[in-house]
Amino acid sequence: MQKIGLYGGTFDPVHHGHLAVGRAALSRLALDTLYFIPASLPPHKSDRPITPFAHRVAMLRLALQGEPRFFVSDIEGLRSGPSYTIDTLAQFRRELGPAADFYFIIGLDAFADIRSWKRYQELLDKTSFVVIARPSCESRTVGQVVAASFPDCRLEEKGMWVRQGSQRIYALEMEPVPVSSSLIRDRLRRGEAVDGLIPAEVVDYLRRHRLLSAAGQKKGE
């Protein structure tokens, strides 16, 4: 059974915090492979402009160079309509078959909103969740969200919940990396440097494709 990590997000733009999360999940859960999955049309972020999908995919590929177990999947760009996780999981299952054991990586802020996701109760039948919890930086705990959203799960051991006949929910604690996509866009909007926050290859790409000012106009995460 292959352990496959699935890390979804807008990645607008990808930054060192994303890479740190990926490395932590890969190491602590002994994943064989980790796919970064940029959303084409994220249903929860339809209120702001997003850098075109092809550019975000290209920047991710540049950022993941030298990481042999990291891959970029453009699976959500090949579908029309909103990028729903339930559909992405079904497609990965069709492509990778029954021998794949999926681990969906998600931040606690997004996990706290899981009940707004399409057919969210079915998600735990298709993948385990790896929730990135940042010590002392969140108003809610993973356990509180599990109790509210998946009340039929039980705590099996510290930081791990299980639902009978289903997958698991893991709380993966890691120290916060002081960077976010919104911080980067704010800096770009003010004309400030972003070197050290995102890979140098991504900075070069933004400059070459004249995306620096465009990215800086975006609001929110």
C-alpha atoms as a PDB file:
ATOM      1  CA  MET A   1       0.000   0.000   0.000  1.00  0.00           C
ATOM      2  CA  GLN A   2       1.467   3.329  -1.071  1.00  0.00           C
ATOM      3  CA  LYS A   3       1.015   6.299   1.260  1.00  0.00           C
ATOM      4  CA  ILE A   4       0.111   9.272  -0.938  1.00  0.00           C
ATOM      5  CA  GLY A   5      -0.074  12.825   0.401  1.00  0.00           C
ATOM      6  CA  LEU A   6      -2.452  15.282  -1.270  1.00  0.00           C
ATOM      7  CA  TYR A   7      -1.854  18.959  -0.504  1.00  0.00           C
ATOM      8  CA  GLY A   8      -4.446  21.285  -1.984  1.00  0.00           C
ATOM      9  CA  GLY A   9      -4.544  25.075  -2.052  1.00  0.00           C
ATOM     10  CA  THR A  10      -4.449  28.104  -4.301  1.00  0.00           C
ATOM     11  CA  PHE A  11      -0.649  28.501  -3.920  1.00  0.00           C
ATOM     12  CA  ASP A  12      -0.916  32.123  -5.024  1.00  0.00           C
ATOM     13  CA  PRO A  13       2.029  32.256  -4.838  1.00  0.00           C
ATOM     14  CA  VAL A  14       3.753  29.191  -3.421  1.00  0.00           C
ATOM     15  CA  HIS A  15       6.065  30.105  -0.519  1.00  0.00           C
ATOM     16  CA  HIS A  16       8.475  28.544   1.973  1.00  0.00           C
ATOM     17  CA  GLY A  17       5.655  27.883   4.446  1.00  0.00           C
ATOM     18  CA  HIS A  18       3.962  25.565   1.941  1.00  0.00           C
ATOM     19  CA  LEU A  19       7.226  23.690   1.453  1.00  0.00           C
ATOM     20  CA  ALA A  20       7.776  23.383   5.212  1.00  0.00           C
ATOM     21  CA  VAL A  21       4.308  21.863   5.648  1.00  0.00           C
ATOM     22  CA  GLY A  22       4.974  19.403   2.846  1.00  0.00           C
ATOM     23  CA  ARG A  23       8.297  18.307   4.306  1.00  0.00           C
ATOM     24  CA  ALA A  24       6.825  17.897   7.799  1.00  0.00           C
ATOM     25  CA  ALA A  25       3.962  15.729   6.520  1.00  0.00           C
ATOM     26  CA  LEU A  26       6.287  13.668   4.332  1.00  0.00           C
ATOM     27  CA  SER A  27       8.646  12.970   7.220  1.00  0.00           C
ATOM     28  CA  ARG A  28       6.296  12.425  10.156  1.00  0.00           C
ATOM     29  CA  LEU A  29       3.776  10.260   8.313  1.00  0.00           C
ATOM     30  CA  ALA A  30       6.378   8.426   6.214  1.00  0.00           C
ATOM     31  CA  LEU A  31       4.594   9.306   2.977  1.00  0.00           C
ATOM     32  CA  ASP A  32       5.909   7.806  -0.246  1.00  0.00           C
ATOM     33  CA  THR A  33       4.823  10.719  -2.422  1.00  0.00           C
ATOM     34  CA  LEU A  34       3.255  14.136  -1.938  1.00  0.00           C
ATOM     35  CA  TYR A  35       1.182  15.859  -4.629  1.00  0.00           C
ATOM     36  CA  PHE A  36       0.690  19.630  -4.509  1.00  0.00           C
ATOM     37  CA  ILE A  37      -2.726  20.277  -6.066  1.00  0.00           C
ATOM     38  CA  PRO A  38      -3.415  23.895  -7.042  1.00  0.00           C
ATOM     39  CA  ALA A  39      -7.126  24.692  -7.204  1.00  0.00           C
ATOM     40  CA  SER A  40      -8.341  25.920 -10.549  1.00  0.00           C
ATOM     41  CA  LEU A  41     -11.580  27.535  -9.306  1.00  0.00           C
ATOM     42  CA  PRO A  42     -11.533  27.401  -5.475  1.00  0.00           C
ATOM     43  CA  PRO A  43     -15.180  27.600  -4.336  1.00  0.00           C
ATOM     44  CA  HIS A  44     -14.283  29.355  -1.068  1.00  0.00           C
ATOM     45  CA  LYS A  45     -12.234  32.094  -2.752  1.00  0.00           C
ATOM     46  CA  SER A  46     -14.507  33.262  -5.538  1.00  0.00           C
ATOM     47  CA  ASP A  47     -14.597  36.804  -4.129  1.00  0.00           C
ATOM     48  CA  ARG A  48     -11.123  37.820  -5.282  1.00  0.00           C
ATOM     49  CA  PRO A  49      -9.007  37.594  -8.437  1.00  0.00           C
ATOM     50  CA  ILE A  50      -6.512  34.735  -8.550  1.00  0.00           C
ATOM     51  CA  THR A  51      -3.362  34.388 -10.644  1.00  0.00           C
ATOM     52  CA  PRO A  52      -4.125  32.258 -13.735  1.00  0.00           C
ATOM     53  CA  PHE A  53      -3.906  28.528 -13.097  1.00  0.00           C
ATOM     54  CA  ALA A  54      -1.094  27.891 -15.608  1.00  0.00           C
ATOM     55  CA  HIS A  55       1.181  30.407 -13.862  1.00  0.00           C
ATOM     56  CA  ARG A  56       0.522  28.915 -10.431  1.00  0.00           C
ATOM     57  CA  VAL A  57       1.308  25.429 -11.748  1.00  0.00           C
ATOM     58  CA  ALA A  58       4.529  26.669 -13.360  1.00  0.00           C
ATOM     59  CA  MET A  59       5.666  28.396 -10.152  1.00  0.00           C
ATOM     60  CA  LEU A  60       4.951  25.263  -8.113  1.00  0.00           C
ATOM     61  CA  ARG A  61       7.047  23.159 -10.490  1.00  0.00           C
ATOM     62  CA  LEU A  62       9.922  25.586 -10.092  1.00  0.00           C
ATOM     63  CA  ALA A  63       9.584  25.597  -6.302  1.00  0.00           C
ATOM     64  CA  LEU A  64       9.577  21.783  -6.076  1.00  0.00           C
ATOM     65  CA  GLN A  65      12.736  21.238  -8.094  1.00  0.00           C
ATOM     66  CA  GLY A  66      15.174  19.171  -6.074  1.00  0.00           C
ATOM     67  CA  GLU A  67      12.398  17.520  -4.046  1.00  0.00           C
ATOM     68  CA  PRO A  68      12.249  14.000  -5.535  1.00  0.00           C
ATOM     69  CA  ARG A  69       9.056  12.944  -3.708  1.00  0.00           C
ATOM     70  CA  PHE A  70       7.144  16.170  -4.384  1.00  0.00           C
ATOM     71  CA  PHE A  71       4.994  16.421  -7.505  1.00  0.00           C
ATOM     72  CA  VAL A  72       2.564  18.954  -8.961  1.00  0.00           C
ATOM     73  CA  SER A  73      -0.848  17.734 -10.127  1.00  0.00           C
ATOM     74  CA  ASP A  74      -2.857  19.841 -12.570  1.00  0.00           C
ATOM     75  CA  ILE A  75      -5.859  17.552 -12.062  1.00  0.00           C
ATOM     76  CA  GLU A  76      -8.190  20.385 -11.015  1.00  0.00           C
ATOM     77  CA  GLY A  77      -7.300  22.466 -14.059  1.00  0.00           C
ATOM     78  CA  LEU A  78      -8.481  19.665 -16.347  1.00  0.00           C
ATOM     79  CA  ARG A  79     -12.038  19.852 -14.989  1.00  0.00           C
ATOM     80  CA  SER A  80     -14.597  22.543 -15.565  1.00  0.00           C
ATOM     81  CA  GLY A  81     -16.464  24.212 -12.721  1.00  0.00           C
ATOM     82  CA  PRO A  82     -15.460  24.677  -9.071  1.00  0.00           C
ATOM     83  CA  SER A  83     -12.561  22.627  -7.663  1.00  0.00           C
ATOM     84  CA  TYR A  84     -14.330  20.365  -5.167  1.00  0.00           C
ATOM     85  CA  THR A  85     -12.128  18.067  -3.084  1.00  0.00           C
ATOM     86  CA  ILE A  86     -14.623  15.192  -3.262  1.00  0.00           C
ATOM     87  CA  ASP A  87     -14.230  15.149  -7.059  1.00  0.00           C
ATOM     88  CA  THR A  88     -10.443  15.389  -6.864  1.00  0.00           C
ATOM     89  CA  LEU A  89     -10.266  12.411  -4.498  1.00  0.00           C
ATOM     90  CA  ALA A  90     -12.470  10.335  -6.775  1.00  0.00           C
ATOM     91  CA  GLN A  91     -10.231  11.125  -9.739  1.00  0.00           C
ATOM     92  CA  PHE A  92      -7.053  10.261  -7.841  1.00  0.00           C
ATOM     93  CA  ARG A  93      -8.621   6.953  -6.840  1.00  0.00           C
ATOM     94  CA  ARG A  94      -9.463   6.168 -10.467  1.00  0.00           C
ATOM     95  CA  GLU A  95      -5.935   7.004 -11.593  1.00  0.00           C
ATOM     96  CA  LEU A  96      -3.903   5.396  -8.774  1.00  0.00           C
ATOM     97  CA  GLY A  97      -6.163   2.451  -7.970  1.00  0.00           C
ATOM     98  CA  PRO A  98      -6.968   0.640  -4.709  1.00  0.00           C
ATOM     99  CA  ALA A  99      -3.325   0.292  -3.619  1.00  0.00           C
ATOM    100  CA  ALA A 100      -3.093   4.003  -2.736  1.00  0.00           C
ATOM    101  CA  ASP A 101      -3.713   5.182   0.834  1.00  0.00           C
ATOM    102  CA  PHE A 102      -4.495   8.912   0.743  1.00  0.00           C
ATOM    103  CA  TYR A 103      -3.584  11.595   3.301  1.00  0.00           C
ATOM    104  CA  PHE A 104      -5.164  14.990   2.636  1.00  0.00           C
ATOM    105  CA  ILE A 105      -3.147  17.850   4.141  1.00  0.00           C
ATOM    106  CA  ILE A 106      -5.126  20.829   5.368  1.00  0.00           C
ATOM    107  CA  GLY A 107      -4.587  23.797   7.676  1.00  0.00           C
ATOM    108  CA  LEU A 108      -6.635  24.046  10.858  1.00  0.00           C
ATOM    109  CA  ASP A 109      -8.288  27.244   9.627  1.00  0.00           C
ATOM    110  CA  ALA A 110      -9.638  25.443   6.545  1.00  0.00           C
ATOM    111  CA  PHE A 111     -10.478  22.274   8.510  1.00  0.00           C
ATOM    112  CA  ALA A 112     -12.570  24.360  10.926  1.00  0.00           C
ATOM    113  CA  ASP A 113     -14.768  25.247   7.928  1.00  0.00           C
ATOM    114  CA  ILE A 114     -15.042  21.655   6.670  1.00  0.00           C
ATOM    115  CA  ARG A 115     -18.826  21.493   7.091  1.00  0.00           C
ATOM    116  CA  SER A 116     -19.195  23.991   4.258  1.00  0.00           C
ATOM    117  CA  TRP A 117     -17.381  21.663   1.842  1.00  0.00           C
ATOM    118  CA  LYS A 118     -19.287  19.645  -0.737  1.00  0.00           C
ATOM    119  CA  ARG A 119     -20.363  16.233   0.703  1.00  0.00           C
ATOM    120  CA  TYR A 120     -17.895  16.689   3.538  1.00  0.00           C
ATOM    121  CA  GLN A 121     -19.075  13.612   5.480  1.00  0.00           C
ATOM    122  CA  GLU A 122     -17.974  11.400   2.566  1.00  0.00           C
ATOM    123  CA  LEU A 123     -14.447  12.790   2.551  1.00  0.00           C
ATOM    124  CA  LEU A 124     -13.357  10.714   5.530  1.00  0.00           C
ATOM    125  CA  ASP A 125     -14.413   7.563   3.662  1.00  0.00           C
ATOM    126  CA  LYS A 126     -11.926   8.419   0.916  1.00  0.00           C
ATOM    127  CA  THR A 127      -8.914   9.913   2.677  1.00  0.00           C
ATOM    128  CA  SER A 128      -7.295  10.478   6.021  1.00  0.00           C
ATOM    129  CA  PHE A 129      -6.912  14.107   7.052  1.00  0.00           C
ATOM    130  CA  VAL A 130      -3.616  15.585   8.201  1.00  0.00           C
ATOM    131  CA  VAL A 131      -4.485  18.830   9.962  1.00  0.00           C
ATOM    132  CA  ILE A 132      -1.649  21.288  10.419  1.00  0.00           C
ATOM    133  CA  ALA A 133      -2.002  22.706  13.909  1.00  0.00           C
ATOM    134  CA  ARG A 134       0.170  25.622  14.904  1.00  0.00           C
ATOM    135  CA  PRO A 135       0.770  25.710  18.691  1.00  0.00           C
ATOM    136  CA  SER A 136      -0.733  28.775  20.419  1.00  0.00           C
ATOM    137  CA  CYS A 137      -1.714  30.316  17.090  1.00  0.00           C
ATOM    138  CA  GLU A 138      -5.273  29.016  16.694  1.00  0.00           C
ATOM    139  CA  SER A 139      -8.494  29.851  18.523  1.00  0.00           C
ATOM    140  CA  ARG A 140      -9.810  26.293  18.089  1.00  0.00           C
ATOM    141  CA  THR A 141      -8.128  22.916  18.499  1.00  0.00           C
ATOM    142  CA  VAL A 142      -8.235  20.003  16.078  1.00  0.00           C
ATOM    143  CA  GLY A 143     -10.149  17.994  18.694  1.00  0.00           C
ATOM    144  CA  GLN A 144     -12.852  20.650  18.933  1.00  0.00           C
ATOM    145  CA  VAL A 145     -13.334  20.671  15.167  1.00  0.00           C
ATOM    146  CA  VAL A 146     -13.416  16.855  15.031  1.00  0.00           C
ATOM    147  CA  ALA A 147     -16.057  16.755  17.786  1.00  0.00           C
ATOM    148  CA  ALA A 148     -18.224  19.297  15.959  1.00  0.00           C
ATOM    149  CA  SER A 149     -17.802  18.008  12.396  1.00  0.00           C
ATOM    150  CA  PHE A 150     -17.168  14.265  12.819  1.00  0.00           C
ATOM    151  CA  PRO A 151     -18.811  13.369  16.163  1.00  0.00           C
ATOM    152  CA  ASP A 152     -18.664   9.638  15.357  1.00  0.00           C
ATOM    153  CA  CYS A 153     -14.853   9.721  15.486  1.00  0.00           C
ATOM    154  CA  ARG A 154     -13.081   8.603  18.645  1.00  0.00           C
ATOM    155  CA  LEU A 155      -9.685   9.577  19.956  1.00  0.00           C
ATOM    156  CA  GLU A 156      -7.460   6.530  19.447  1.00  0.00           C
ATOM    157  CA  GLU A 157      -4.254   8.088  20.698  1.00  0.00           C
ATOM    158  CA  LYS A 158      -2.914  11.579  21.230  1.00  0.00           C
ATOM    159  CA  GLY A 159      -3.324  13.560  18.038  1.00  0.00           C
ATOM    160  CA  MET A 160      -5.199  10.840  16.125  1.00  0.00           C
ATOM    161  CA  TRP A 161      -8.919  10.178  15.729  1.00  0.00           C
ATOM    162  CA  VAL A 162     -10.596   7.300  13.890  1.00  0.00           C
ATOM    163  CA  ARG A 163     -14.083   6.540  12.620  1.00  0.00           C
ATOM    164  CA  GLN A 164     -15.044   2.868  12.340  1.00  0.00           C
ATOM    165  CA  GLY A 165     -14.722   1.606   8.787  1.00  0.00           C
ATOM    166  CA  SER A 166     -13.177   4.889   7.742  1.00  0.00           C
ATOM    167  CA  GLN A 167      -9.890   6.767   7.652  1.00  0.00           C
ATOM    168  CA  ARG A 168      -8.089   8.738  10.367  1.00  0.00           C
ATOM    169  CA  ILE A 169      -7.650  12.366  11.320  1.00  0.00           C
ATOM    170  CA  TYR A 170      -4.148  13.353  12.419  1.00  0.00           C
ATOM    171  CA  ALA A 171      -3.134  16.548  14.177  1.00  0.00           C
ATOM    172  CA  LEU A 172       0.315  17.461  12.912  1.00  0.00           C
ATOM    173  CA  GLU A 173       1.809  20.150  15.123  1.00  0.00           C
ATOM    174  CA  MET A 174       4.594  22.289  13.727  1.00  0.00           C
ATOM    175  CA  GLU A 175       6.014  25.668  14.557  1.00  0.00           C
ATOM    176  CA  PRO A 176       4.506  28.396  12.392  1.00  0.00           C
ATOM    177  CA  VAL A 177       6.530  29.654   9.445  1.00  0.00           C
ATOM    178  CA  PRO A 178       6.104  33.455   9.447  1.00  0.00           C
ATOM    179  CA  VAL A 179       4.927  33.757   5.854  1.00  0.00           C
ATOM    180  CA  SER A 180       1.621  33.575   3.993  1.00  0.00           C
ATOM    181  CA  SER A 181       0.438  34.242   0.464  1.00  0.00           C
ATOM    182  CA  SER A 182      -1.491  37.291   1.670  1.00  0.00           C
ATOM    183  CA  LEU A 183       1.657  38.693   3.348  1.00  0.00           C
ATOM    184  CA  ILE A 184       3.567  38.253   0.102  1.00  0.00           C
ATOM    185  CA  ARG A 185       0.841  39.980  -1.921  1.00  0.00           C
ATOM    186  CA  ASP A 186       0.734  42.843   0.580  1.00  0.00           C
ATOM    187  CA  ARG A 187       4.486  43.298   0.243  1.00  0.00           C
ATOM    188  CA  LEU A 188       4.268  43.227  -3.531  1.00  0.00           C
ATOM    189  CA  ARG A 189       1.502  45.807  -3.455  1.00  0.00           C
ATOM    190  CA  ARG A 190       3.727  48.100  -1.380  1.00  0.00           C
ATOM    191  CA  GLY A 191       6.698  47.485  -3.642  1.00  0.00           C
ATOM    192  CA  GLU A 192       8.653  45.655  -0.934  1.00  0.00           C
ATOM    193  CA  ALA A 193      11.031  42.744  -1.501  1.00  0.00           C
ATOM    194  CA  VAL A 194       9.799  39.175  -1.036  1.00  0.00           C
ATOM    195  CA  ASP A 195      13.190  37.498  -1.301  1.00  0.00           C
ATOM    196  CA  GLY A 196      13.565  34.869   1.413  1.00  0.00           C
ATOM    197  CA  LEU A 197       9.804  34.332   1.654  1.00  0.00           C
ATOM    198  CA  ILE A 198       9.414  32.457  -1.617  1.00  0.00           C
ATOM    199  CA  PRO A 199      11.930  30.426  -3.637  1.00  0.00           C
ATOM    200  CA  ALA A 200      14.268  32.514  -5.786  1.00  0.00           C
ATOM    201  CA  GLU A 201      13.060  30.733  -8.925  1.00  0.00           C
ATOM    202  CA  VAL A 202       9.509  31.869  -8.161  1.00  0.00           C
ATOM    203  CA  VAL A 203      10.645  35.479  -7.691  1.00  0.00           C
ATOM    204  CA  ASP A 204      12.369  35.297 -11.090  1.00  0.00           C
ATOM    205  CA  TYR A 205       9.224  33.840 -12.667  1.00  0.00           C
ATOM    206  CA  LEU A 206       7.060  36.628 -11.234  1.00  0.00           C
ATOM    207  CA  ARG A 207       9.448  39.207 -12.684  1.00  0.00           C
ATOM    208  CA  ARG A 208       9.785  37.584 -16.094  1.00  0.00           C
ATOM    209  CA  HIS A 209       6.023  37.272 -16.535  1.00  0.00           C
ATOM    210  CA  ARG A 210       5.309  40.686 -15.023  1.00  0.00           C
ATOM    211  CA  LEU A 211       3.151  39.166 -12.307  1.00  0.00           C
ATOM    212  CA  LEU A 212       4.664  41.138  -9.435  1.00  0.00           C
ATOM    213  CA  SER A 213       2.278  44.085  -9.658  1.00  0.00           C
ATOM    214  CA  ALA A 214      -0.676  41.841 -10.566  1.00  0.00           C
ATOM    215  CA  ALA A 215      -0.084  39.603  -7.542  1.00  0.00           C
ATOM    216  CA  GLY A 216       0.236  42.653  -5.354  1.00  0.00           C
ATOM    217  CA  GLN A 217      -3.260  43.800  -6.186  1.00  0.00           C
ATOM    218  CA  LYS A 218      -4.915  40.711  -4.735  1.00  0.00           C
ATOM    219  CA  LYS A 219      -6.595  40.803  -1.349  1.00  0.00           C
ATOM    220  CA  GLY A 220      -6.997  38.054   1.244  1.00  0.00           C
ATOM    221  CA  GLU A 221      -5.247  34.671   1.491  1.00  0.00           C
END
